[in-house]
Amino acid sequence: MTVLFVIPDCLGIRNFLHSRVLEILIQKGNQVAVWHTFDEQVLAQMQLHPSVRFHRLPAWREGVIERLLREAKVYAQLVRFCQRDNNILALRQRFRAAGGTQKKIIALAAFLLGCLFSGRHGSGRLARWHSRAARANNLVAFRQTLMDVNPNLVFCTHQRAAYAVPCLEVARELKIPTATFVYSWDNPPKGRMAVSADFYFAWSKHMAAELMTYCPDITERQIKITGTPQFEPYFNPDLTISREEFCRNNGLDAARPIVCFSGGDSITSPYDHHYLADVANELTHWPQATAPQLIFRPIPADLSTRYDSVVASNPAIAVSKPRWRMPEGEASWEGVIPLREDSALLANLVTYCDAVINLGSTMGLDFAMKGKPAININYNTQGVDEARWTIRDYYRVPHFKTVHQLNPVFWINSRAEIRQVLAQALGGVEEKKLAREKWKETLVQHPPELASERIVRAMEDIILLPR
């Protein structure tokens, strides 16, 4: 059997090329091919099994009608659930991220079309029109690759990329089974479903329910609950070094507690650098012999320089830069490539830091995997333009519902509380233990370290289905 992985940008690399999924498939006698956009240097760094075949994605440009319908699907969903989910911020951010004038015109037209089709099955109708528009594009090169590879399954490593749309549409036209992995816990409520597939791989029963709620044309039969490979490195002892070596590498004192400040991207968390400064400033008032040490990991998606002045003026902040490679000439998030060693870097960060602090993100789940507390910042810092962004709106987006319901994290509700809550979290790891366990079991299929096995099993089940 042959599985063709569609990797339209960097997001699928860590979860699939750096996980055990390919290794397990090959060990079980399957053939693996990768349809990608990367240069030869990037492919060489991936150190994949020599039997893996590579195929470069053809040059392709999304048409205006395709983009309009793809965006309209998202807006239809966001508008439909706007009042229930309080996700006005998601609508604002999506429009703000549209880019130049032409893209903003398309976004406005897509918003109006989305409003028109915001009924229960409106987004499904838009999805079908989008599929037809995508197939009307010049897809000869895509068809040729699929006929040459002749896969038993076309698997898209995440559902967000427009570049993946023609791959799956042509596969479905050729009657080849298709599946896609839902990349993140916040994707279903945010409408981030660019591709349509025969099957959807979800993190958990919770995500499966969300998919059917937000995309009512997706049925339970189409969903495979597998978990996500992104947490597997935390259970691999081969990736961790000693605490002493970790501290030595980062200029930290192994005898003192360590807190990780995990950065957010500049669109969803535009004041993140001010929050880092707030935390760093409060730590200077702590007795040095017992003060927690601060190590900062920027999110790989943030290519800005906004943290530089904060780090420069606070030399006690250690910086753990993600091991991601920027291809020459690239200046976009989609061009940044995660290196294999970043999994080890992150595994050691989660193993040896005693807590994570940020505006609630997936990193709270990363730390929960190792039984570590997360601390969510929950106040408006200096310079906040409340007409454009507020912390209240930030935590009202729908994927935070489980956080509010289960309360698995500590909350800092004002700058004055930073020291107190840090001390509480570091000294009371057991305080949130049950809620933290419930949270991760709700969002991630357990045991989390066996996600790769479940993914391969689901792929084989799909391939063996009668046609």
Protein backbone atom coordinates (compact mmCIF):
# COMPACT_ATOMS: atom_id res chain seq x y z
CA MET A 1 0.00 0.00 0.00
CA THR A 2 1.18 3.54 -0.75
CA VAL A 3 0.41 6.63 1.31
CA LEU A 4 1.06 10.01 -0.32
CA PHE A 5 1.60 12.77 2.25
CA VAL A 6 0.69 16.28 1.10
CA ILE A 7 2.87 18.80 2.94
CA PRO A 8 1.94 22.21 1.49
CA ASP A 9 3.97 24.24 3.99
CA CYS A 10 5.93 23.94 7.24
CA LEU A 11 3.01 23.03 9.53
CA GLY A 12 2.99 19.32 8.73
CA ILE A 13 6.71 18.71 9.08
CA ARG A 14 6.98 18.35 12.86
CA ASN A 15 3.86 16.21 13.25
CA PHE A 16 4.58 13.80 10.42
CA LEU A 17 8.10 13.95 8.98
CA HIS A 18 9.66 14.30 12.44
CA SER A 19 7.32 11.87 14.22
CA ARG A 20 7.16 8.08 14.07
CA VAL A 21 4.32 7.94 11.54
CA LEU A 22 6.48 7.37 8.45
CA GLU A 23 8.74 4.95 10.33
CA ILE A 24 5.78 2.81 11.44
CA LEU A 25 4.24 2.80 7.97
CA ILE A 26 7.52 1.64 6.40
CA GLN A 27 8.14 -1.00 9.09
CA LYS A 28 4.71 -2.45 8.25
CA GLY A 29 5.69 -2.82 4.59
CA ASN A 30 3.94 0.26 3.19
CA GLN A 31 5.33 2.65 0.59
CA VAL A 32 5.56 6.34 1.47
CA ALA A 33 5.68 9.33 -0.87
CA VAL A 34 5.83 13.02 0.06
CA TRP A 35 4.29 15.79 -2.07
CA HIS A 36 6.00 19.00 -0.95
CA THR A 37 7.16 22.56 -1.63
CA PHE A 38 10.66 22.42 -0.09
CA ASP A 39 14.13 22.83 -1.60
CA GLU A 40 16.77 20.07 -1.67
CA GLN A 41 18.66 21.45 1.33
CA VAL A 42 15.54 21.26 3.50
CA LEU A 43 14.82 17.71 2.35
CA ALA A 44 18.39 16.63 3.16
CA GLN A 45 18.05 17.98 6.72
CA MET A 46 14.94 15.89 7.35
CA GLN A 47 16.95 12.64 7.46
CA LEU A 48 14.07 10.48 6.28
CA HIS A 49 14.15 6.79 5.38
CA PRO A 50 15.86 6.27 1.99
CA SER A 51 12.77 4.53 0.57
CA VAL A 52 10.65 7.70 0.88
CA ARG A 53 9.91 9.17 -2.56
CA PHE A 54 9.65 12.93 -3.01
CA HIS A 55 7.48 14.80 -5.49
CA ARG A 56 7.49 18.56 -5.76
CA LEU A 57 4.09 20.23 -5.83
CA PRO A 58 3.40 21.84 -9.22
CA ALA A 59 3.36 25.60 -9.60
CA TRP A 60 -0.18 26.72 -8.83
CA ARG A 61 -2.01 29.95 -8.15
CA GLU A 62 -5.36 30.17 -6.43
CA GLY A 63 -7.97 31.92 -8.56
CA VAL A 64 -9.95 34.88 -7.28
CA ILE A 65 -13.24 32.91 -7.27
CA GLU A 66 -11.56 30.03 -5.41
CA ARG A 67 -10.17 32.39 -2.78
CA LEU A 68 -13.50 34.19 -2.46
CA LEU A 69 -15.38 30.93 -1.85
CA ARG A 70 -12.72 29.53 0.49
CA GLU A 71 -12.80 32.71 2.60
CA ALA A 72 -16.59 32.85 2.47
CA LYS A 73 -16.78 29.34 4.01
CA VAL A 74 -14.87 30.64 7.01
CA TYR A 75 -16.90 33.81 7.40
CA ALA A 76 -20.17 31.85 7.07
CA GLN A 77 -19.16 29.70 10.03
CA LEU A 78 -17.87 32.61 12.13
CA VAL A 79 -20.99 34.68 11.47
CA ARG A 80 -23.31 31.78 12.22
CA PHE A 81 -21.75 31.17 15.62
CA CYS A 82 -20.72 34.76 16.33
CA GLN A 83 -23.25 35.44 19.07
CA ARG A 84 -22.96 32.02 20.72
CA ASP A 85 -19.15 31.98 20.67
CA ASN A 86 -18.53 35.68 21.31
CA ASN A 87 -15.95 35.47 18.53
CA ILE A 88 -16.15 39.01 17.19
CA LEU A 89 -12.39 39.18 17.83
CA ALA A 90 -11.81 36.27 15.43
CA LEU A 91 -13.76 38.12 12.74
CA ARG A 92 -11.75 41.30 13.31
CA GLN A 93 -8.44 39.48 13.30
CA ARG A 94 -9.27 37.59 10.13
CA PHE A 95 -10.13 40.77 8.26
CA ARG A 96 -7.10 42.60 9.66
CA ALA A 97 -4.82 39.79 8.49
CA ALA A 98 -6.16 39.97 4.93
CA GLY A 99 -3.20 42.08 3.76
CA GLY A 100 -3.21 44.58 0.89
CA THR A 101 -6.10 46.41 -0.74
CA GLN A 102 -7.02 43.66 -3.20
CA LYS A 103 -7.04 41.01 -0.47
CA LYS A 104 -9.14 43.24 1.77
CA ILE A 105 -11.67 43.71 -1.06
CA ILE A 106 -11.87 39.92 -1.47
CA ALA A 107 -12.18 39.55 2.31
CA LEU A 108 -15.04 42.06 2.41
CA ALA A 109 -16.82 40.30 -0.47
CA ALA A 110 -16.23 36.94 1.26
CA PHE A 111 -17.63 38.33 4.51
CA LEU A 112 -20.80 39.53 2.77
CA LEU A 113 -21.17 36.19 0.98
CA GLY A 114 -20.55 34.40 4.28
CA CYS A 115 -23.30 36.44 5.93
CA LEU A 116 -25.66 35.43 3.13
CA PHE A 117 -24.84 31.73 3.62
CA SER A 118 -24.52 31.63 7.40
CA GLY A 119 -27.38 29.14 7.84
CA ARG A 120 -26.82 25.60 9.07
CA HIS A 121 -25.77 24.13 5.71
CA GLY A 122 -24.62 27.36 4.06
CA SER A 123 -20.91 26.72 4.63
CA GLY A 124 -21.35 23.22 3.18
CA ARG A 125 -22.88 24.67 0.03
CA LEU A 126 -19.99 27.13 -0.25
CA ALA A 127 -17.56 24.24 0.24
CA ARG A 128 -19.10 22.36 -2.69
CA TRP A 129 -18.90 25.45 -4.91
CA HIS A 130 -15.30 25.90 -3.79
CA SER A 131 -14.53 22.31 -4.80
CA ARG A 132 -16.01 22.84 -8.25
CA ALA A 133 -14.09 26.10 -8.71
CA ALA A 134 -10.84 24.41 -7.64
CA ARG A 135 -11.33 21.57 -10.14
CA ALA A 136 -11.93 24.11 -12.92
CA ASN A 137 -8.39 25.45 -12.44
CA ASN A 138 -5.51 24.05 -14.54
CA LEU A 139 -4.71 20.90 -12.56
CA VAL A 140 -3.09 18.75 -15.26
CA ALA A 141 0.23 18.52 -13.39
CA PHE A 142 -1.55 17.45 -10.19
CA ARG A 143 -3.39 14.67 -12.04
CA GLN A 144 -0.16 13.47 -13.63
CA THR A 145 1.63 13.17 -10.27
CA LEU A 146 -1.26 11.25 -8.75
CA MET A 147 -1.39 8.87 -11.70
CA ASP A 148 2.40 8.35 -11.50
CA VAL A 149 2.41 7.68 -7.74
CA ASN A 150 -0.89 5.76 -7.79
CA PRO A 151 -1.42 6.00 -4.00
CA ASN A 152 -3.96 4.10 -1.96
CA LEU A 153 -4.46 7.17 0.25
CA VAL A 154 -3.72 10.89 -0.11
CA PHE A 155 -3.13 12.31 3.36
CA CYS A 156 -2.91 16.06 3.95
CA THR A 157 -0.83 16.89 7.01
CA HIS A 158 -3.03 19.85 7.94
CA GLN A 159 -6.30 21.26 6.70
CA ARG A 160 -5.49 24.98 6.62
CA ALA A 161 -3.44 25.50 3.44
CA ALA A 162 -5.01 26.61 0.15
CA TYR A 163 -2.14 24.88 -1.70
CA ALA A 164 -3.46 21.52 -0.51
CA VAL A 165 -6.90 22.07 -2.05
CA PRO A 166 -6.05 21.01 -5.65
CA CYS A 167 -4.17 17.93 -4.37
CA LEU A 168 -7.20 16.56 -2.56
CA GLU A 169 -9.72 17.69 -5.16
CA VAL A 170 -7.90 15.85 -7.95
CA ALA A 171 -7.49 12.77 -5.73
CA ARG A 172 -11.22 12.69 -5.07
CA GLU A 173 -11.90 13.16 -8.79
CA LEU A 174 -9.68 10.10 -9.43
CA LYS A 175 -11.54 8.11 -6.70
CA ILE A 176 -8.47 7.95 -4.46
CA PRO A 177 -9.39 8.11 -0.72
CA THR A 178 -8.39 11.35 0.98
CA ALA A 179 -7.85 12.32 4.60
CA THR A 180 -6.60 15.37 6.44
CA PHE A 181 -5.26 15.99 9.92
CA VAL A 182 -6.78 18.83 11.97
CA TYR A 183 -3.71 20.77 13.02
CA SER A 184 -4.65 22.53 16.27
CA TRP A 185 -7.21 22.55 19.08
CA ASP A 186 -8.49 26.01 18.02
CA ASN A 187 -8.98 25.22 14.32
CA PRO A 188 -12.61 23.94 14.15
CA PRO A 189 -14.24 26.92 15.92
CA LYS A 190 -12.07 29.37 13.97
CA GLY A 191 -13.24 27.99 10.64
CA ARG A 192 -9.78 26.96 9.52
CA MET A 193 -10.89 24.23 7.13
CA ALA A 194 -9.51 25.09 3.69
CA VAL A 195 -9.61 21.53 2.34
CA SER A 196 -12.45 19.06 2.00
CA ALA A 197 -11.60 15.38 2.47
CA ASP A 198 -13.23 11.98 2.79
CA PHE A 199 -11.88 11.60 6.35
CA TYR A 200 -10.70 13.91 9.14
CA PHE A 201 -8.18 12.94 11.83
CA ALA A 202 -9.10 14.61 15.12
CA TRP A 203 -7.24 15.05 18.41
CA SER A 204 -10.11 13.76 20.58
CA LYS A 205 -13.84 13.07 20.91
CA HIS A 206 -14.14 16.73 21.93
CA MET A 207 -12.64 17.88 18.63
CA ALA A 208 -14.79 15.38 16.72
CA ALA A 209 -17.90 16.93 18.28
CA GLU A 210 -16.65 20.39 17.36
CA LEU A 211 -16.09 19.34 13.75
CA MET A 212 -19.65 18.09 13.45
CA THR A 213 -21.01 21.23 15.12
CA TYR A 214 -19.09 23.78 13.10
CA CYS A 215 -19.04 21.79 9.85
CA PRO A 216 -22.42 19.99 9.88
CA ASP A 217 -21.72 18.38 6.49
CA ILE A 218 -18.95 16.32 8.17
CA THR A 219 -20.41 13.11 9.61
CA GLU A 220 -19.24 10.95 12.49
CA ARG A 221 -18.28 8.20 10.02
CA GLN A 222 -15.74 10.54 8.43
CA ILE A 223 -13.86 11.28 11.66
CA LYS A 224 -10.94 9.23 13.00
CA ILE A 225 -9.93 10.02 16.59
CA THR A 226 -6.16 9.64 16.71
CA GLY A 227 -4.63 12.28 18.97
CA THR A 228 -1.71 14.35 17.71
CA PRO A 229 1.97 13.40 17.34
CA GLN A 230 3.13 16.81 18.54
CA PHE A 231 3.25 15.70 22.19
CA GLU A 232 5.15 12.44 21.59
CA PRO A 233 8.65 13.93 22.07
CA TYR A 234 7.85 14.55 25.75
CA PHE A 235 7.70 10.80 26.29
CA ASN A 236 10.94 9.97 24.46
CA PRO A 237 13.82 9.72 26.98
CA ASP A 238 16.36 9.71 24.13
CA LEU A 239 15.64 13.40 23.54
CA THR A 240 16.37 14.72 27.02
CA ILE A 241 19.68 15.81 28.48
CA SER A 242 20.41 16.31 32.21
CA ARG A 243 19.03 19.31 34.09
CA GLU A 244 22.59 20.48 34.70
CA GLU A 245 23.41 20.43 31.00
CA PHE A 246 20.14 22.14 30.12
CA CYS A 247 20.84 24.93 32.62
CA ARG A 248 24.46 25.24 31.50
CA ASN A 249 23.37 25.56 27.86
CA ASN A 250 20.97 28.37 28.76
CA GLY A 251 23.00 30.19 31.44
CA LEU A 252 20.64 29.17 34.25
CA ASP A 253 21.14 28.06 37.85
CA ALA A 254 20.07 24.42 38.27
CA ALA A 255 19.27 25.03 41.95
CA ARG A 256 16.58 27.66 41.29
CA PRO A 257 13.12 27.27 39.72
CA ILE A 258 12.72 28.10 36.04
CA VAL A 259 9.66 29.64 34.41
CA CYS A 260 9.15 29.61 30.65
CA PHE A 261 7.52 32.64 29.05
CA SER A 262 6.06 31.30 25.82
CA GLY A 263 5.49 33.98 23.20
CA GLY A 264 2.44 34.43 21.00
CA ASP A 265 2.14 35.69 17.45
CA SER A 266 1.79 39.38 16.66
CA ILE A 267 -1.81 39.14 15.38
CA THR A 268 -3.50 37.27 18.22
CA SER A 269 -1.22 38.67 20.94
CA PRO A 270 0.00 42.11 19.77
CA TYR A 271 1.14 43.25 23.24
CA ASP A 272 3.06 40.13 24.15
CA HIS A 273 6.40 41.93 24.47
CA HIS A 274 4.89 44.23 27.12
CA TYR A 275 3.72 41.19 29.09
CA LEU A 276 7.23 39.71 28.95
CA ALA A 277 8.57 43.02 30.30
CA ASP A 278 5.97 42.99 33.10
CA VAL A 279 7.01 39.51 34.25
CA ALA A 280 10.74 40.25 33.98
CA ASN A 281 10.32 43.46 35.98
CA GLU A 282 8.45 41.70 38.79
CA LEU A 283 11.15 39.06 39.09
CA THR A 284 13.77 41.77 39.79
CA HIS A 285 11.93 42.55 43.03
CA TRP A 286 12.22 38.93 44.22
CA PRO A 287 15.17 38.01 46.51
CA GLN A 288 17.79 36.80 44.01
CA ALA A 289 18.66 33.62 45.90
CA THR A 290 15.10 32.29 45.51
CA ALA A 291 13.77 34.19 42.49
CA PRO A 292 12.47 32.07 39.62
CA GLN A 293 14.54 32.38 36.47
CA LEU A 294 12.87 33.38 33.23
CA ILE A 295 13.51 31.68 29.92
CA PHE A 296 11.73 33.03 26.86
CA ARG A 297 10.71 30.91 23.86
CA PRO A 298 9.28 32.98 20.98
CA ILE A 299 6.60 31.33 18.88
CA PRO A 300 8.18 30.33 15.55
CA ALA A 301 5.37 32.17 13.72
CA ASP A 302 6.53 35.54 15.07
CA LEU A 303 9.21 36.92 12.75
CA SER A 304 9.08 40.42 14.28
CA THR A 305 11.75 42.15 16.37
CA ARG A 306 9.31 43.39 19.01
CA TYR A 307 10.91 41.46 21.90
CA ASP A 308 14.47 42.61 21.19
CA SER A 309 14.44 45.75 23.35
CA VAL A 310 12.83 43.85 26.26
CA VAL A 311 15.51 41.15 26.18
CA ALA A 312 18.29 43.72 25.76
CA SER A 313 17.14 45.68 28.81
CA ASN A 314 16.66 42.51 30.92
CA PRO A 315 19.88 40.48 30.64
CA ALA A 316 18.57 37.95 33.16
CA ILE A 317 16.09 36.68 30.55
CA ALA A 318 17.45 33.55 28.89
CA VAL A 319 16.26 33.10 25.31
CA SER A 320 15.54 29.68 23.82
CA LYS A 321 15.11 30.32 20.12
CA PRO A 322 13.13 27.67 18.23
CA ARG A 323 15.30 25.58 15.91
CA TRP A 324 13.48 26.57 12.76
CA ARG A 325 15.20 27.46 9.48
CA MET A 326 14.35 30.47 7.34
CA PRO A 327 14.97 29.65 3.66
CA GLU A 328 16.94 32.34 1.90
CA GLY A 329 14.79 35.12 0.53
CA GLU A 330 11.73 34.08 2.53
CA ALA A 331 10.00 36.48 4.89
CA SER A 332 6.78 34.67 5.69
CA TRP A 333 5.70 32.22 8.37
CA GLU A 334 4.90 29.60 5.73
CA GLY A 335 8.56 29.56 4.65
CA VAL A 336 10.00 28.77 8.08
CA ILE A 337 11.05 25.12 8.44
CA PRO A 338 11.12 23.28 11.80
CA LEU A 339 14.35 21.32 12.25
CA ARG A 340 14.38 17.90 13.87
CA GLU A 341 16.45 19.16 16.81
CA ASP A 342 13.67 21.57 17.82
CA SER A 343 11.68 18.60 19.15
CA ALA A 344 14.53 17.83 21.56
CA LEU A 345 14.88 21.51 22.47
CA LEU A 346 11.19 21.77 23.32
CA ALA A 347 11.18 18.44 25.16
CA ASN A 348 13.97 19.65 27.44
CA LEU A 349 12.32 23.02 27.95
CA VAL A 350 9.09 21.35 29.11
CA THR A 351 10.99 18.79 31.21
CA TYR A 352 13.14 21.27 33.14
CA CYS A 353 11.00 24.39 33.38
CA ASP A 354 8.74 24.34 36.41
CA ALA A 355 5.86 26.26 34.82
CA VAL A 356 4.84 28.12 31.67
CA ILE A 357 3.42 31.63 31.64
CA ASN A 358 1.76 33.36 28.68
CA LEU A 359 -1.55 34.35 27.17
CA GLY A 360 -3.17 30.92 27.11
CA SER A 361 -1.90 28.81 24.24
CA THR A 362 -1.24 25.19 23.29
CA MET A 363 1.91 25.42 25.42
CA GLY A 364 -0.32 24.99 28.45
CA LEU A 365 -1.13 21.51 27.10
CA ASP A 366 2.55 20.86 26.35
CA PHE A 367 3.41 21.50 29.99
CA ALA A 368 0.36 19.56 31.20
CA MET A 369 1.81 16.50 29.43
CA LYS A 370 4.64 16.58 31.98
CA GLY A 371 2.39 17.49 34.92
CA LYS A 372 3.58 21.12 34.95
CA PRO A 373 1.34 24.12 35.72
CA ALA A 374 0.38 26.82 33.24
CA ILE A 375 -0.18 30.45 34.22
CA ASN A 376 -2.42 32.58 32.00
CA ILE A 377 -1.97 36.36 31.96
CA ASN A 378 -5.38 38.00 32.20
CA TYR A 379 -5.10 41.81 32.30
CA ASN A 380 -4.67 44.65 29.82
CA THR A 381 -1.06 45.79 29.89
CA GLN A 382 0.38 49.18 28.92
CA GLY A 383 -0.54 50.64 25.56
CA VAL A 384 -3.51 48.38 24.86
CA ASP A 385 -5.85 49.89 22.27
CA GLU A 386 -9.14 48.52 23.56
CA ALA A 387 -10.95 49.45 20.37
CA ARG A 388 -8.83 46.84 18.54
CA TRP A 389 -7.88 44.25 21.18
CA THR A 390 -8.61 43.47 24.82
CA ILE A 391 -7.68 40.59 27.08
CA ARG A 392 -11.38 40.00 27.76
CA ASP A 393 -12.08 39.34 24.09
CA TYR A 394 -8.93 37.22 23.83
CA TYR A 395 -10.23 34.67 26.34
CA ARG A 396 -13.78 34.73 24.98
CA VAL A 397 -12.86 32.87 21.78
CA PRO A 398 -14.58 29.45 21.76
CA HIS A 399 -11.60 27.13 22.10
CA PHE A 400 -11.02 28.53 25.60
CA LYS A 401 -14.36 27.13 26.79
CA THR A 402 -12.70 24.03 28.23
CA VAL A 403 -10.22 26.24 30.10
CA HIS A 404 -13.05 28.24 31.69
CA GLN A 405 -15.09 25.13 32.47
CA LEU A 406 -12.29 23.04 33.98
CA ASN A 407 -10.03 25.85 35.26
CA PRO A 408 -6.79 23.85 34.84
CA VAL A 409 -4.53 26.93 34.88
CA PHE A 410 -3.52 29.70 37.26
CA TRP A 411 -4.64 33.26 36.40
CA ILE A 412 -2.79 36.56 36.78
CA ASN A 413 -5.54 39.20 36.82
CA SER A 414 -3.33 42.27 37.32
CA ARG A 415 0.32 43.23 37.11
CA ALA A 416 0.37 43.43 40.91
CA GLU A 417 -0.49 39.70 41.15
CA ILE A 418 2.45 38.39 39.10
CA ARG A 419 4.71 37.50 42.04
CA GLN A 420 1.91 36.08 44.16
CA VAL A 421 0.51 33.81 41.42
CA LEU A 422 3.97 32.69 40.31
CA ALA A 423 4.76 31.68 43.90
CA GLN A 424 1.38 29.93 44.19
CA ALA A 425 1.88 27.95 40.99
CA LEU A 426 5.46 26.96 41.77
CA GLY A 427 4.62 25.97 45.32
CA GLY A 428 1.29 24.30 44.62
CA VAL A 429 1.73 22.05 41.61
CA GLU A 430 -0.88 19.64 43.05
CA GLU A 431 -3.48 22.42 43.37
CA LYS A 432 -4.62 22.18 39.74
CA LYS A 433 -3.56 18.60 39.12
CA LEU A 434 -7.00 16.98 38.73
CA ALA A 435 -8.32 19.80 36.52
CA ARG A 436 -5.13 19.73 34.44
CA GLU A 437 -5.46 15.96 33.92
CA LYS A 438 -9.11 16.31 32.94
CA TRP A 439 -8.26 19.12 30.50
CA LYS A 440 -5.59 17.21 28.64
CA GLU A 441 -7.71 14.03 28.55
CA THR A 442 -10.60 16.06 27.11
CA LEU A 443 -8.54 17.67 24.35
CA VAL A 444 -6.03 14.92 23.51
CA GLN A 445 -6.70 11.21 22.95
CA HIS A 446 -4.79 9.15 25.53
CA PRO A 447 -2.24 7.79 25.84
CA PRO A 448 -0.74 10.77 23.95
CA GLU A 449 2.54 8.98 23.23
CA LEU A 450 0.75 6.46 20.97
CA ALA A 451 -0.71 8.95 18.48
CA SER A 452 1.53 7.77 15.63
CA GLU A 453 0.33 4.19 16.03
CA ARG A 454 -3.31 5.30 16.01
CA ILE A 455 -2.75 7.44 12.91
CA VAL A 456 -1.20 4.57 10.98
CA ARG A 457 -3.98 2.22 12.06
CA ALA A 458 -6.60 4.74 10.90
CA MET A 459 -4.84 5.09 7.54
CA GLU A 460 -4.84 1.32 7.07
CA ASP A 461 -8.53 1.13 8.02
CA ILE A 462 -9.39 3.71 5.35
CA ILE A 463 -7.34 1.93 2.67
CA LEU A 464 -9.03 -1.38 3.42
CA LEU A 465 -12.57 0.03 3.20
CA PRO A 466 -14.57 -1.43 0.30
CA ARG A 467 -14.95 1.02 -2.59
